[in-house]
Amino acid sequence: MDKENKPKKPEKPLNNYARFSGIAIQMFVIIGIGTFVGVKLDEKFPNKHNLYTLVLSLSSVILAIVSAIRRIIAASKDDT
């Protein structure tokens, strides 16, 4: 059979569920670690506005979103 006429594999909803729940867990871990490190830095180096927590938590949210988007794009390329 040619590649164009190759039948597609049936979708496995459980596989997709596991893949996307893994992405959510990874996002949670990245955000949690970033925020935890920020809190610890603010405890060690006190400042007026808790800047370490603000900067690291915001940075970790951005990093988690970028990471999730990259994994979703890679997963969609693998499916095709």
PDB file of N, CA and C in Angstrom:
ATOM      1  N   MET A   1       0.830  -1.179   0.000  1.00  0.00           N
ATOM      2  CA  MET A   1       0.000   0.000   0.000  1.00  0.00           C
ATOM      3  C   MET A   1       0.874   1.242   0.000  1.00  0.00           C
ATOM      4  N   ASP A   2       0.408   2.268  -0.669  1.00  0.00           N
ATOM      5  CA  ASP A   2       1.112   3.538  -0.659  1.00  0.00           C
ATOM      6  C   ASP A   2       0.886   4.247   0.671  1.00  0.00           C
ATOM      7  N   LYS A   3       1.748   5.227   0.907  1.00  0.00           N
ATOM      8  CA  LYS A   3       1.583   6.003   2.132  1.00  0.00           C
ATOM      9  C   LYS A   3       0.290   6.802   2.117  1.00  0.00           C
ATOM     10  N   GLU A   4      -0.130   7.243   0.914  1.00  0.00           N
ATOM     11  CA  GLU A   4      -1.352   8.022   0.826  1.00  0.00           C
ATOM     12  C   GLU A   4      -2.582   7.160   1.124  1.00  0.00           C
ATOM     13  N   ASN A   5      -2.546   5.893   0.740  1.00  0.00           N
ATOM     14  CA  ASN A   5      -3.698   5.011   0.905  1.00  0.00           C
ATOM     15  C   ASN A   5      -3.636   4.192   2.183  1.00  0.00           C
ATOM     16  N   LYS A   6      -2.658   4.452   2.991  1.00  0.00           N
ATOM     17  CA  LYS A   6      -2.488   3.690   4.225  1.00  0.00           C
ATOM     18  C   LYS A   6      -3.635   4.004   5.180  1.00  0.00           C
ATOM     19  N   PRO A   7      -4.309   2.971   5.681  1.00  0.00           N
ATOM     20  CA  PRO A   7      -5.412   3.231   6.605  1.00  0.00           C
ATOM     21  C   PRO A   7      -4.878   3.784   7.924  1.00  0.00           C
ATOM     22  N   LYS A   8      -5.646   4.719   8.484  1.00  0.00           N
ATOM     23  CA  LYS A   8      -5.245   5.305   9.761  1.00  0.00           C
ATOM     24  C   LYS A   8      -5.552   4.338  10.886  1.00  0.00           C
ATOM     25  N   LYS A   9      -4.711   4.415  11.911  1.00  0.00           N
ATOM     26  CA  LYS A   9      -4.965   3.621  13.104  1.00  0.00           C
ATOM     27  C   LYS A   9      -6.158   4.211  13.841  1.00  0.00           C
ATOM     28  N   PRO A  10      -6.967   3.378  14.452  1.00  0.00           N
ATOM     29  CA  PRO A  10      -8.087   3.923  15.214  1.00  0.00           C
ATOM     30  C   PRO A  10      -7.563   4.714  16.422  1.00  0.00           C
ATOM     31  N   GLU A  11      -8.261   5.783  16.716  1.00  0.00           N
ATOM     32  CA  GLU A  11      -7.884   6.625  17.854  1.00  0.00           C
ATOM     33  C   GLU A  11      -8.104   5.854  19.153  1.00  0.00           C
ATOM     34  N   LYS A  12      -7.177   6.030  20.059  1.00  0.00           N
ATOM     35  CA  LYS A  12      -7.317   5.430  21.380  1.00  0.00           C
ATOM     36  C   LYS A  12      -7.571   6.560  22.370  1.00  0.00           C
ATOM     37  N   PRO A  13      -8.814   6.726  22.815  1.00  0.00           N
ATOM     38  CA  PRO A  13      -9.119   7.850  23.708  1.00  0.00           C
ATOM     39  C   PRO A  13      -8.347   7.775  25.025  1.00  0.00           C
ATOM     40  N   LEU A  14      -8.078   6.581  25.509  1.00  0.00           N
ATOM     41  CA  LEU A  14      -7.336   6.457  26.759  1.00  0.00           C
ATOM     42  C   LEU A  14      -5.907   6.944  26.580  1.00  0.00           C
ATOM     43  N   ASN A  15      -5.308   6.674  25.430  1.00  0.00           N
ATOM     44  CA  ASN A  15      -3.960   7.145  25.144  1.00  0.00           C
ATOM     45  C   ASN A  15      -3.928   8.673  25.111  1.00  0.00           C
ATOM     46  N   ASN A  16      -4.916   9.293  24.469  1.00  0.00           N
ATOM     47  CA  ASN A  16      -4.990  10.750  24.435  1.00  0.00           C
ATOM     48  C   ASN A  16      -5.217  11.328  25.827  1.00  0.00           C
ATOM     49  N   TYR A  17      -6.058  10.664  26.603  1.00  0.00           N
ATOM     50  CA  TYR A  17      -6.312  11.115  27.978  1.00  0.00           C
ATOM     51  C   TYR A  17      -5.028  11.080  28.793  1.00  0.00           C
ATOM     52  N   ALA A  18      -4.264  10.026  28.680  1.00  0.00           N
ATOM     53  CA  ALA A  18      -3.005   9.905  29.424  1.00  0.00           C
ATOM     54  C   ALA A  18      -2.005  10.951  28.952  1.00  0.00           C
ATOM     55  N   ARG A  19      -1.945  11.196  27.664  1.00  0.00           N
ATOM     56  CA  ARG A  19      -1.003  12.175  27.120  1.00  0.00           C
ATOM     57  C   ARG A  19      -1.311  13.575  27.647  1.00  0.00           C
ATOM     58  N   PHE A  20      -2.578  13.979  27.579  1.00  0.00           N
ATOM     59  CA  PHE A  20      -2.923  15.334  27.980  1.00  0.00           C
ATOM     60  C   PHE A  20      -2.963  15.511  29.484  1.00  0.00           C
ATOM     61  N   SER A  21      -3.262  14.467  30.232  1.00  0.00           N
ATOM     62  CA  SER A  21      -3.174  14.598  31.683  1.00  0.00           C
ATOM     63  C   SER A  21      -1.712  14.696  32.108  1.00  0.00           C
ATOM     64  N   GLY A  22      -0.819  14.052  31.369  1.00  0.00           N
ATOM     65  CA  GLY A  22       0.609  14.190  31.637  1.00  0.00           C
ATOM     66  C   GLY A  22       1.081  15.609  31.404  1.00  0.00           C
ATOM     67  N   ILE A  23       0.555  16.258  30.378  1.00  0.00           N
ATOM     68  CA  ILE A  23       0.902  17.649  30.103  1.00  0.00           C
ATOM     69  C   ILE A  23       0.412  18.544  31.244  1.00  0.00           C
ATOM     70  N   ALA A  24      -0.787  18.292  31.747  1.00  0.00           N
ATOM     71  CA  ALA A  24      -1.326  19.093  32.851  1.00  0.00           C
ATOM     72  C   ALA A  24      -0.498  18.906  34.123  1.00  0.00           C
ATOM     73  N   ILE A  25      -0.100  17.679  34.392  1.00  0.00           N
ATOM     74  CA  ILE A  25       0.729  17.415  35.572  1.00  0.00           C
ATOM     75  C   ILE A  25       2.075  18.106  35.438  1.00  0.00           C
ATOM     76  N   GLN A  26       2.659  18.069  34.244  1.00  0.00           N
ATOM     77  CA  GLN A  26       3.933  18.737  34.010  1.00  0.00           C
ATOM     78  C   GLN A  26       3.795  20.251  34.228  1.00  0.00           C
ATOM     79  N   MET A  27       2.709  20.829  33.759  1.00  0.00           N
ATOM     80  CA  MET A  27       2.487  22.260  33.974  1.00  0.00           C
ATOM     81  C   MET A  27       2.373  22.573  35.460  1.00  0.00           C
ATOM     82  N   PHE A  28       1.629  21.763  36.180  1.00  0.00           N
ATOM     83  CA  PHE A  28       1.462  21.954  37.616  1.00  0.00           C
ATOM     84  C   PHE A  28       2.805  21.892  38.342  1.00  0.00           C
ATOM     85  N   VAL A  29       3.647  20.939  37.961  1.00  0.00           N
ATOM     86  CA  VAL A  29       4.952  20.785  38.607  1.00  0.00           C
ATOM     87  C   VAL A  29       5.855  21.981  38.306  1.00  0.00           C
ATOM     88  N   ILE A  30       5.890  22.428  37.053  1.00  0.00           N
ATOM     89  CA  ILE A  30       6.728  23.572  36.689  1.00  0.00           C
ATOM     90  C   ILE A  30       6.302  24.821  37.459  1.00  0.00           C
ATOM     91  N   ILE A  31       5.008  25.079  37.520  1.00  0.00           N
ATOM     92  CA  ILE A  31       4.512  26.259  38.227  1.00  0.00           C
ATOM     93  C   ILE A  31       4.771  26.127  39.725  1.00  0.00           C
ATOM     94  N   GLY A  32       4.564  24.944  40.262  1.00  0.00           N
ATOM     95  CA  GLY A  32       4.790  24.720  41.691  1.00  0.00           C
ATOM     96  C   GLY A  32       6.243  24.915  42.088  1.00  0.00           C
ATOM     97  N   ILE A  33       7.159  24.377  41.295  1.00  0.00           N
ATOM     98  CA  ILE A  33       8.581  24.530  41.607  1.00  0.00           C
ATOM     99  C   ILE A  33       9.005  25.985  41.503  1.00  0.00           C
ATOM    100  N   GLY A  34       8.574  26.672  40.457  1.00  0.00           N
ATOM    101  CA  GLY A  34       8.923  28.085  40.297  1.00  0.00           C
ATOM    102  C   GLY A  34       8.421  28.939  41.449  1.00  0.00           C
ATOM    103  N   THR A  35       7.193  28.709  41.868  1.00  0.00           N
ATOM    104  CA  THR A  35       6.624  29.472  42.973  1.00  0.00           C
ATOM    105  C   THR A  35       7.314  29.131  44.289  1.00  0.00           C
ATOM    106  N   PHE A  36       7.597  27.855  44.508  1.00  0.00           N
ATOM    107  CA  PHE A  36       8.278  27.421  45.735  1.00  0.00           C
ATOM    108  C   PHE A  36       9.660  28.060  45.844  1.00  0.00           C
ATOM    109  N   VAL A  37      10.412  28.052  44.750  1.00  0.00           N
ATOM    110  CA  VAL A  37      11.742  28.664  44.757  1.00  0.00           C
ATOM    111  C   VAL A  37      11.629  30.164  45.021  1.00  0.00           C
ATOM    112  N   GLY A  38      10.636  30.812  44.434  1.00  0.00           N
ATOM    113  CA  GLY A  38      10.430  32.238  44.675  1.00  0.00           C
ATOM    114  C   GLY A  38      10.119  32.536  46.125  1.00  0.00           C
ATOM    115  N   VAL A  39       9.279  31.729  46.745  1.00  0.00           N
ATOM    116  CA  VAL A  39       8.940  31.927  48.159  1.00  0.00           C
ATOM    117  C   VAL A  39      10.180  31.734  49.023  1.00  0.00           C
ATOM    118  N   LYS A  40      10.951  30.696  48.745  1.00  0.00           N
ATOM    119  CA  LYS A  40      12.165  30.440  49.527  1.00  0.00           C
ATOM    120  C   LYS A  40      13.179  31.576  49.366  1.00  0.00           C
ATOM    121  N   LEU A  41      13.322  32.113  48.160  1.00  0.00           N
ATOM    122  CA  LEU A  41      14.233  33.238  47.951  1.00  0.00           C
ATOM    123  C   LEU A  41      13.745  34.489  48.687  1.00  0.00           C
ATOM    124  N   ASP A  42      12.431  34.697  48.703  1.00  0.00           N
ATOM    125  CA  ASP A  42      11.897  35.843  49.445  1.00  0.00           C
ATOM    126  C   ASP A  42      12.099  35.675  50.946  1.00  0.00           C
ATOM    127  N   GLU A  43      12.071  34.437  51.438  1.00  0.00           N
ATOM    128  CA  GLU A  43      12.341  34.209  52.858  1.00  0.00           C
ATOM    129  C   GLU A  43      13.813  34.479  53.169  1.00  0.00           C
ATOM    130  N   LYS A  44      14.694  34.069  52.271  1.00  0.00           N
ATOM    131  CA  LYS A  44      16.129  34.229  52.505  1.00  0.00           C
ATOM    132  C   LYS A  44      16.588  35.668  52.272  1.00  0.00           C
ATOM    133  N   PHE A  45      16.032  36.320  51.253  1.00  0.00           N
ATOM    134  CA  PHE A  45      16.387  37.694  50.915  1.00  0.00           C
ATOM    135  C   PHE A  45      15.115  38.543  50.935  1.00  0.00           C
ATOM    136  N   PRO A  46      14.669  38.957  52.121  1.00  0.00           N
ATOM    137  CA  PRO A  46      13.385  39.687  52.205  1.00  0.00           C
ATOM    138  C   PRO A  46      13.418  41.007  51.429  1.00  0.00           C
ATOM    139  N   ASN A  47      12.292  41.317  50.826  1.00  0.00           N
ATOM    140  CA  ASN A  47      12.122  42.591  50.139  1.00  0.00           C
ATOM    141  C   ASN A  47      10.680  43.045  50.324  1.00  0.00           C
ATOM    142  N   LYS A  48      10.424  44.267  49.940  1.00  0.00           N
ATOM    143  CA  LYS A  48       9.131  44.894  50.241  1.00  0.00           C
ATOM    144  C   LYS A  48       7.960  44.249  49.496  1.00  0.00           C
ATOM    145  N   HIS A  49       8.165  43.852  48.253  1.00  0.00           N
ATOM    146  CA  HIS A  49       7.038  43.401  47.421  1.00  0.00           C
ATOM    147  C   HIS A  49       7.093  41.925  47.030  1.00  0.00           C
ATOM    148  N   ASN A  50       7.898  41.124  47.688  1.00  0.00           N
ATOM    149  CA  ASN A  50       8.029  39.697  47.349  1.00  0.00           C
ATOM    150  C   ASN A  50       8.315  39.508  45.856  1.00  0.00           C
ATOM    151  N   LEU A  51       9.311  40.213  45.387  1.00  0.00           N
ATOM    152  CA  LEU A  51       9.610  40.220  43.956  1.00  0.00           C
ATOM    153  C   LEU A  51      10.044  38.868  43.428  1.00  0.00           C
ATOM    154  N   TYR A  52      10.794  38.105  44.207  1.00  0.00           N
ATOM    155  CA  TYR A  52      11.237  36.794  43.731  1.00  0.00           C
ATOM    156  C   TYR A  52      10.039  35.886  43.456  1.00  0.00           C
ATOM    157  N   THR A  53       9.077  35.902  44.360  1.00  0.00           N
ATOM    158  CA  THR A  53       7.886  35.077  44.158  1.00  0.00           C
ATOM    159  C   THR A  53       7.113  35.533  42.932  1.00  0.00           C
ATOM    160  N   LEU A  54       6.936  36.835  42.785  1.00  0.00           N
ATOM    161  CA  LEU A  54       6.198  37.353  41.631  1.00  0.00           C
ATOM    162  C   LEU A  54       6.888  37.006  40.315  1.00  0.00           C
ATOM    163  N   VAL A  55       8.182  37.271  40.243  1.00  0.00           N
ATOM    164  CA  VAL A  55       8.908  37.054  38.992  1.00  0.00           C
ATOM    165  C   VAL A  55       8.999  35.568  38.662  1.00  0.00           C
ATOM    166  N   LEU A  56       9.354  34.748  39.640  1.00  0.00           N
ATOM    167  CA  LEU A  56       9.515  33.318  39.351  1.00  0.00           C
ATOM    168  C   LEU A  56       8.182  32.620  39.099  1.00  0.00           C
ATOM    169  N   SER A  57       7.124  33.029  39.782  1.00  0.00           N
ATOM    170  CA  SER A  57       5.835  32.393  39.511  1.00  0.00           C
ATOM    171  C   SER A  57       5.321  32.775  38.123  1.00  0.00           C
ATOM    172  N   LEU A  58       5.468  34.034  37.738  1.00  0.00           N
ATOM    173  CA  LEU A  58       5.056  34.455  36.401  1.00  0.00           C
ATOM    174  C   LEU A  58       5.913  33.780  35.328  1.00  0.00           C
ATOM    175  N   SER A  59       7.207  33.715  35.564  1.00  0.00           N
ATOM    176  CA  SER A  59       8.101  33.053  34.607  1.00  0.00           C
ATOM    177  C   SER A  59       7.776  31.573  34.471  1.00  0.00           C
ATOM    178  N   SER A  60       7.458  30.924  35.583  1.00  0.00           N
ATOM    179  CA  SER A  60       7.148  29.498  35.514  1.00  0.00           C
ATOM    180  C   SER A  60       5.818  29.250  34.809  1.00  0.00           C
ATOM    181  N   VAL A  61       4.856  30.159  34.939  1.00  0.00           N
ATOM    182  CA  VAL A  61       3.591  30.019  34.211  1.00  0.00           C
ATOM    183  C   VAL A  61       3.841  30.129  32.715  1.00  0.00           C
ATOM    184  N   ILE A  62       4.656  31.116  32.320  1.00  0.00           N
ATOM    185  CA  ILE A  62       4.978  31.283  30.900  1.00  0.00           C
ATOM    186  C   ILE A  62       5.720  30.062  30.382  1.00  0.00           C
ATOM    187  N   LEU A  63       6.694  29.575  31.145  1.00  0.00           N
ATOM    188  CA  LEU A  63       7.449  28.383  30.747  1.00  0.00           C
ATOM    189  C   LEU A  63       6.539  27.163  30.625  1.00  0.00           C
ATOM    190  N   ALA A  64       5.599  27.005  31.545  1.00  0.00           N
ATOM    191  CA  ALA A  64       4.681  25.876  31.500  1.00  0.00           C
ATOM    192  C   ALA A  64       3.773  25.942  30.274  1.00  0.00           C
ATOM    193  N   ILE A  65       3.297  27.120  29.942  1.00  0.00           N
ATOM    194  CA  ILE A  65       2.435  27.276  28.765  1.00  0.00           C
ATOM    195  C   ILE A  65       3.208  26.983  27.487  1.00  0.00           C
ATOM    196  N   VAL A  66       4.427  27.516  27.386  1.00  0.00           N
ATOM    197  CA  VAL A  66       5.249  27.257  26.200  1.00  0.00           C
ATOM    198  C   VAL A  66       5.551  25.768  26.075  1.00  0.00           C
ATOM    199  N   SER A  67       5.882  25.141  27.184  1.00  0.00           N
ATOM    200  CA  SER A  67       6.166  23.707  27.174  1.00  0.00           C
ATOM    201  C   SER A  67       4.943  22.897  26.740  1.00  0.00           C
ATOM    202  N   ALA A  68       3.776  23.262  27.252  1.00  0.00           N
ATOM    203  CA  ALA A  68       2.548  22.542  26.887  1.00  0.00           C
ATOM    204  C   ALA A  68       2.223  22.724  25.410  1.00  0.00           C
ATOM    205  N   ILE A  69       2.387  23.936  24.902  1.00  0.00           N
ATOM    206  CA  ILE A  69       2.107  24.172  23.486  1.00  0.00           C
ATOM    207  C   ILE A  69       3.046  23.362  22.609  1.00  0.00           C
ATOM    208  N   ARG A  70       4.331  23.316  22.975  1.00  0.00           N
ATOM    209  CA  ARG A  70       5.290  22.522  22.194  1.00  0.00           C
ATOM    210  C   ARG A  70       4.931  21.040  22.207  1.00  0.00           C
ATOM    211  N   ARG A  71       4.536  20.526  23.370  1.00  0.00           N
ATOM    212  CA  ARG A  71       4.168  19.099  23.443  1.00  0.00           C
ATOM    213  C   ARG A  71       2.907  18.809  22.646  1.00  0.00           C
ATOM    214  N   ILE A  72       1.948  19.712  22.672  1.00  0.00           N
ATOM    215  CA  ILE A  72       0.710  19.506  21.917  1.00  0.00           C
ATOM    216  C   ILE A  72       0.990  19.548  20.421  1.00  0.00           C
ATOM    217  N   ILE A  73       1.829  20.476  19.983  1.00  0.00           N
ATOM    218  CA  ILE A  73       2.185  20.548  18.564  1.00  0.00           C
ATOM    219  C   ILE A  73       2.928  19.285  18.142  1.00  0.00           C
ATOM    220  N   ALA A  74       3.866  18.824  18.965  1.00  0.00           N
ATOM    221  CA  ALA A  74       4.600  17.596  18.648  1.00  0.00           C
ATOM    222  C   ALA A  74       3.654  16.395  18.607  1.00  0.00           C
ATOM    223  N   ALA A  75       2.700  16.350  19.506  1.00  0.00           N
ATOM    224  CA  ALA A  75       1.744  15.238  19.525  1.00  0.00           C
ATOM    225  C   ALA A  75       0.844  15.265  18.293  1.00  0.00           C
ATOM    226  N   SER A  76       0.462  16.448  17.850  1.00  0.00           N
ATOM    227  CA  SER A  76      -0.387  16.519  16.663  1.00  0.00           C
ATOM    228  C   SER A  76       0.394  16.140  15.410  1.00  0.00           C
ATOM    229  N   LYS A  77       1.686  16.431  15.374  1.00  0.00           N
ATOM    230  CA  LYS A  77       2.502  16.014  14.236  1.00  0.00           C
ATOM    231  C   LYS A  77       2.695  14.504  14.223  1.00  0.00           C
ATOM    232  N   ASP A  78       2.803  13.895  15.410  1.00  0.00           N
ATOM    233  CA  ASP A  78       2.942  12.453  15.500  1.00  0.00           C
ATOM    234  C   ASP A  78       1.686  11.727  15.058  1.00  0.00           C
ATOM    235  N   ASP A  79       0.534  12.351  15.292  1.00  0.00           N
ATOM    236  CA  ASP A  79      -0.738  11.725  14.933  1.00  0.00           C
ATOM    237  C   ASP A  79      -0.990  11.724  13.427  1.00  0.00           C
ATOM    238  N   THR A  80      -0.375  12.644  12.722  1.00  0.00           N
ATOM    239  CA  THR A  80      -0.645  12.714  11.274  1.00  0.00           C
ATOM    240  C   THR A  80       0.293  11.863  10.486  1.00  0.00           C
TER     241      THR A  80
END
